[in-house]
Protein backbone atom coordinates (compact mmCIF):
# COMPACT_ATOMS: atom_id res chain seq x y z
CA MET A 1 13.23 39.49 67.94
CA SER A 2 12.48 42.93 66.61
CA SER A 3 10.31 45.28 69.29
CA GLY A 4 7.77 44.79 66.79
CA GLU A 5 7.62 40.82 66.93
CA SER A 6 5.22 39.48 69.47
CA ARG A 7 6.90 36.50 71.28
CA THR A 8 6.02 32.94 71.14
CA LYS A 9 3.59 31.59 74.23
CA TYR A 10 3.47 28.50 76.15
CA LYS A 11 -0.13 27.51 77.36
CA THR A 12 -0.32 26.24 80.99
CA TYR A 13 -3.12 24.35 79.73
CA VAL A 14 -5.02 25.19 82.92
CA GLN A 15 -8.95 25.89 81.63
CA GLY A 16 -9.44 29.29 82.60
CA PHE A 17 -6.08 30.62 83.21
CA ASP A 18 -4.34 30.92 80.50
CA GLU A 19 -6.87 33.90 79.11
CA ASN A 20 -6.05 35.69 82.36
CA MET A 21 -2.44 35.49 81.91
CA GLY A 22 -2.30 37.01 78.31
CA GLY A 23 -2.72 33.51 76.71
CA GLY A 24 0.51 32.14 78.33
CA ILE A 25 4.35 32.36 79.32
CA PRO A 26 6.64 34.08 76.91
CA GLN A 27 9.35 32.30 75.35
CA GLY A 28 12.68 32.47 77.13
CA HIS A 29 10.99 33.13 80.54
CA ILE A 30 12.41 31.91 83.54
CA VAL A 31 9.21 31.46 86.05
CA LEU A 32 8.83 30.16 89.49
CA LEU A 33 6.08 27.76 90.60
CA ALA A 34 5.95 28.84 94.04
CA GLY A 35 3.75 27.09 97.01
CA GLU A 36 3.99 25.32 99.95
CA ALA A 37 3.99 21.12 100.18
CA GLY A 38 0.96 19.55 98.42
CA THR A 39 -0.02 22.38 96.59
CA MET A 40 0.18 20.26 93.69
CA LYS A 41 3.84 22.36 92.16
CA SER A 42 5.43 19.71 90.43
CA SER A 43 2.00 17.99 89.31
CA LEU A 44 0.88 21.30 87.43
CA ALA A 45 5.21 21.63 86.31
CA TYR A 46 5.15 17.95 84.50
CA TYR A 47 1.25 19.05 82.83
CA MET A 48 2.03 21.93 81.13
CA LEU A 49 5.41 19.94 79.52
CA PHE A 50 2.98 16.99 78.82
CA MET A 51 0.19 19.05 77.59
CA ASN A 52 2.16 21.34 75.10
CA GLY A 53 3.82 17.74 73.57
CA LYS A 54 0.72 16.58 73.55
CA LYS A 55 -1.14 19.54 71.77
CA ASP A 56 1.65 21.57 70.58
CA GLY A 57 4.42 18.95 69.35
CA VAL A 58 6.66 20.77 72.23
CA ASN A 59 9.63 18.88 73.77
CA GLY A 60 9.57 19.44 77.03
CA LEU A 61 12.99 17.79 79.63
CA TYR A 62 12.07 17.60 83.42
CA ILE A 63 14.47 17.68 85.63
CA SER A 64 14.11 15.55 88.99
CA LEU A 65 16.39 16.06 92.12
CA GLU A 66 14.00 14.81 94.60
CA GLN A 67 12.01 12.16 93.32
CA SER A 68 13.08 9.22 90.93
CA LYS A 69 11.96 9.20 87.33
CA ARG A 70 9.76 5.77 88.33
CA SER A 71 8.45 7.27 91.18
CA LEU A 72 7.10 10.61 89.30
CA LEU A 73 5.98 8.84 86.32
CA ARG A 74 3.80 6.59 88.34
CA GLN A 75 2.38 9.49 90.15
CA MET A 76 1.61 11.11 86.90
CA GLU A 77 0.08 7.95 85.36
CA ASN A 78 -2.11 7.97 88.16
CA MET A 79 -3.63 11.52 87.68
CA GLY A 80 -4.04 10.34 83.92
CA PHE A 81 -0.96 11.83 82.27
CA ARG A 82 0.10 8.77 80.13
CA GLY A 83 0.97 8.06 76.94
CA GLU A 84 -0.22 10.59 74.11
CA SER A 85 3.40 12.37 75.06
CA LEU A 86 5.88 9.62 74.71
CA GLY A 87 8.92 10.71 73.09
CA ARG A 88 7.91 14.35 73.72
CA VAL A 89 8.38 14.72 77.82
CA GLU A 90 11.91 13.04 78.85
CA ILE A 91 12.46 13.06 82.73
CA LEU A 92 16.21 12.94 83.85
CA ASP A 93 16.53 11.63 87.55
CA VAL A 94 20.16 13.11 88.79
CA GLY A 95 19.94 10.40 91.44
CA GLU A 96 23.46 8.61 90.39
CA MET A 97 25.46 12.37 89.45
CA ARG A 98 23.93 13.22 93.17
CA LYS A 99 25.72 9.94 94.66
CA ASN A 100 28.98 10.75 92.74
CA ALA A 101 29.39 14.40 92.43
CA GLU A 102 27.88 16.03 95.44
CA GLY A 103 29.33 19.96 95.94
CA PRO A 104 30.80 22.51 94.01
CA GLY A 105 31.82 20.87 91.13
CA TRP A 106 28.15 18.40 91.03
CA LEU A 107 26.70 22.07 89.79
CA ASP A 108 29.27 21.93 86.39
CA THR A 109 27.82 18.04 86.06
CA PHE A 110 24.33 19.52 86.30
CA ARG A 111 25.02 21.97 83.50
CA PHE A 112 26.60 19.61 81.36
CA ALA A 113 23.78 16.70 81.40
CA VAL A 114 21.05 19.93 80.51
CA SER A 115 23.05 20.77 77.74
CA GLU A 116 23.85 17.79 76.33
CA THR A 117 20.24 16.77 76.48
CA LYS A 118 19.02 20.27 74.57
CA ARG A 119 21.44 18.96 72.03
CA ARG A 120 19.95 15.64 71.82
CA MET A 121 16.57 16.43 71.82
CA ASN A 122 16.39 20.32 70.96
CA TYR A 123 13.53 20.57 73.93
CA GLU A 124 11.99 23.73 74.39
CA LEU A 125 10.69 23.72 77.49
CA LEU A 126 12.59 23.22 80.88
CA VAL A 127 11.18 22.12 84.41
CA ILE A 128 13.29 22.09 87.18
CA ASP A 129 11.99 20.22 90.53
CA SER A 130 13.09 21.93 93.23
CA LEU A 131 14.98 25.36 93.45
CA GLY A 132 16.19 24.27 97.05
CA ALA A 133 17.04 20.68 96.26
CA LEU A 134 19.40 22.46 93.70
CA GLU A 135 20.25 25.12 95.82
CA LEU A 136 21.63 21.97 99.05
CA ILE A 137 23.24 19.69 96.40
CA SER A 138 24.71 22.51 94.66
CA ASN A 139 26.65 23.71 97.89
CA PHE A 140 26.46 27.55 97.09
CA ASN A 141 29.14 29.22 98.20
CA ARG A 142 28.03 32.75 97.46
CA PRO A 143 24.26 32.09 97.50
CA ARG A 144 23.26 35.38 95.74
CA GLU A 145 26.10 35.74 93.02
CA ASP A 146 25.80 31.61 92.53
CA MET A 147 22.02 32.36 91.75
CA PHE A 148 22.79 35.52 89.29
CA ARG A 149 24.92 32.89 87.43
CA LEU A 150 22.28 30.29 87.33
CA PHE A 151 19.67 32.57 85.82
CA GLU A 152 22.50 33.79 83.39
CA TRP A 153 23.04 30.58 82.31
CA LEU A 154 19.51 29.47 82.35
CA ARG A 155 18.70 32.61 79.90
CA SER A 156 21.48 31.16 77.55
CA LEU A 157 20.08 28.11 76.82
CA ASP A 158 17.44 29.84 74.87
CA ILE A 159 14.24 27.52 76.17
CA THR A 160 11.82 28.58 78.62
CA THR A 161 12.07 27.22 82.32
CA LEU A 162 9.86 26.30 84.55
CA ILE A 163 11.67 26.48 88.36
CA VAL A 164 9.54 24.36 91.38
CA SER A 165 10.03 26.56 94.50
CA GLU A 166 8.93 25.62 97.93
CA MET A 167 7.39 27.90 100.34
CA PRO A 168 6.91 27.63 104.07
CA VAL A 169 3.89 28.07 105.65
CA GLY A 170 2.52 30.99 107.18
CA PRO A 171 3.14 34.50 106.07
CA TYR A 172 4.96 34.40 102.54
CA THR A 173 7.91 37.44 102.15
CA SER A 174 9.75 35.78 99.24
CA TYR A 175 8.63 33.28 97.13
CA GLY A 176 12.09 31.97 96.22
CA SER A 177 15.72 32.30 98.20
CA HIS A 178 18.64 34.84 97.34
CA ASP A 179 16.74 36.96 95.15
CA ALA A 180 15.46 34.21 92.92
CA ASP A 181 12.40 36.10 93.16
CA PHE A 182 13.54 39.20 91.60
CA LEU A 183 15.69 37.30 88.95
CA ALA A 184 12.69 35.39 88.11
CA ASP A 185 10.64 36.77 84.82
CA GLY A 186 7.37 34.98 86.51
CA ILE A 187 5.81 33.86 89.17
CA ILE A 188 2.59 31.39 89.84
CA HIS A 189 2.27 31.20 93.24
CA LEU A 190 0.33 28.34 94.62
CA ARG A 191 -1.53 28.25 98.09
CA MET A 192 -4.15 26.30 100.17
CA VAL A 193 -6.85 28.18 101.91
CA GLU A 194 -8.85 26.70 104.85
CA ASP A 195 -12.54 27.35 104.08
CA SER A 196 -13.53 26.08 107.21
CA GLU A 197 -12.50 23.57 110.29
CA SER A 198 -12.50 20.57 107.52
CA GLU A 199 -12.40 22.33 104.25
CA VAL A 200 -9.02 23.28 102.34
CA HIS A 201 -8.85 24.16 98.89
CA ARG A 202 -6.43 25.59 96.62
CA ARG A 203 -5.50 28.39 94.89
CA ILE A 204 -3.39 29.99 91.92
CA ARG A 205 -2.05 33.72 91.19
CA CYS A 206 0.06 34.94 88.93
CA VAL A 207 2.22 37.17 91.16
CA LYS A 208 4.38 38.47 87.94
CA MET A 209 4.60 37.85 84.28
CA ARG A 210 7.05 40.25 82.56
CA GLU A 211 5.62 41.47 79.36
CA THR A 212 2.34 39.87 79.66
CA ASP A 213 -1.08 41.72 80.88
CA HIS A 214 -2.46 39.40 83.39
CA ALA A 215 -4.61 38.73 86.41
CA THR A 216 -3.10 39.54 89.97
CA CYS A 217 -6.07 37.82 91.91
CA TYR A 218 -6.07 34.21 93.13
CA PHE A 219 -8.25 31.46 91.50
CA SER A 220 -10.05 28.54 92.37
CA PHE A 221 -7.15 25.83 91.27
CA PHE A 222 -8.74 21.89 91.12
CA LYS A 223 -8.01 18.90 88.87
CA LYS A 224 -10.83 17.76 86.51
CA ASP A 225 -10.82 14.47 84.57
CA SER A 226 -7.22 14.65 83.47
CA SER A 227 -7.10 18.57 83.33
CA PHE A 228 -6.79 21.18 85.41
CA CYS A 229 -8.86 24.27 85.70
CA VAL A 230 -9.25 27.22 87.27
CA THR A 231 -12.55 29.07 88.83
CA ARG A 232 -12.97 32.63 89.93
CA ALA A 233 -12.15 32.26 93.74
CA ILE A 234 -15.09 33.75 95.89
CA THR A 235 -12.97 34.75 99.07
CA ASP A 236 -9.61 34.27 100.14
CA PHE A 237 -9.88 33.52 103.55
C-alpha cells in the first residue's frame, strides 16, 4: 500500500464511537481491549466480529482461552448476537490443546492452529481472549522478548487483531503486561465508574489508535437492544 492510499478500517459498530475514532480500526492494527472484570471486553470483542460479519461479510476468528465455545455462544446469544453471522465468525476453543500441550511448546501449537484456520477461512479479524491467559499457558521464559515476538508474528499474518487484556481495579499504570501497551497499535480502555453509592456505569475511551485522528475522552458505554452505544459522559468521577 502506497503512502497515498487510505487504509481499510473496520468499524466497532458501537453507535456514536466510530465517528469519534476516525471511522474505525485501521487494517493490520493490533489493538488491546483493556479493562477490569465486568466491563464487557469479551462481549465487545465478539460483537465487533459479529457485526463485521453481518454487515460487511468479513470473516472473523475468536480464540477463547478462558471460556468454552458452548458457554461463550450461549452468553452471546443471550445478548442478542445470534444467527446472522453464521459462517462468518468461528470460535476456536483451545481447551483440548491446553490439556495436551501446556508450557513453552504450547505456543507453537497455538500458532499452528491460528495459521491453519487462516488458510482455511481467510479471516480478516482475530480476537485473542485473553492476553493474561495466553501468557500463563505459554509460560514465557523471557516475557518482554516473547511478547515482542508474539506481536511480530501477529503482524506477519496481515490481519487485524483484538487482544482482550485484563486490568486490576485501582490506579491504572499499564494497559498490558510486558510492554504490550507500547507494542500495540491501539488501546481501547473500558472502565467502571461509581456515580453514587448505588450507581455504577461503564465508560469507554480510545487511549491511542495509530494513523487515526480520534477523541481521547471517555464516553458512557451501554447496551441498547442488540447493539452497543456511547454517549458523551457528563462526568468521569
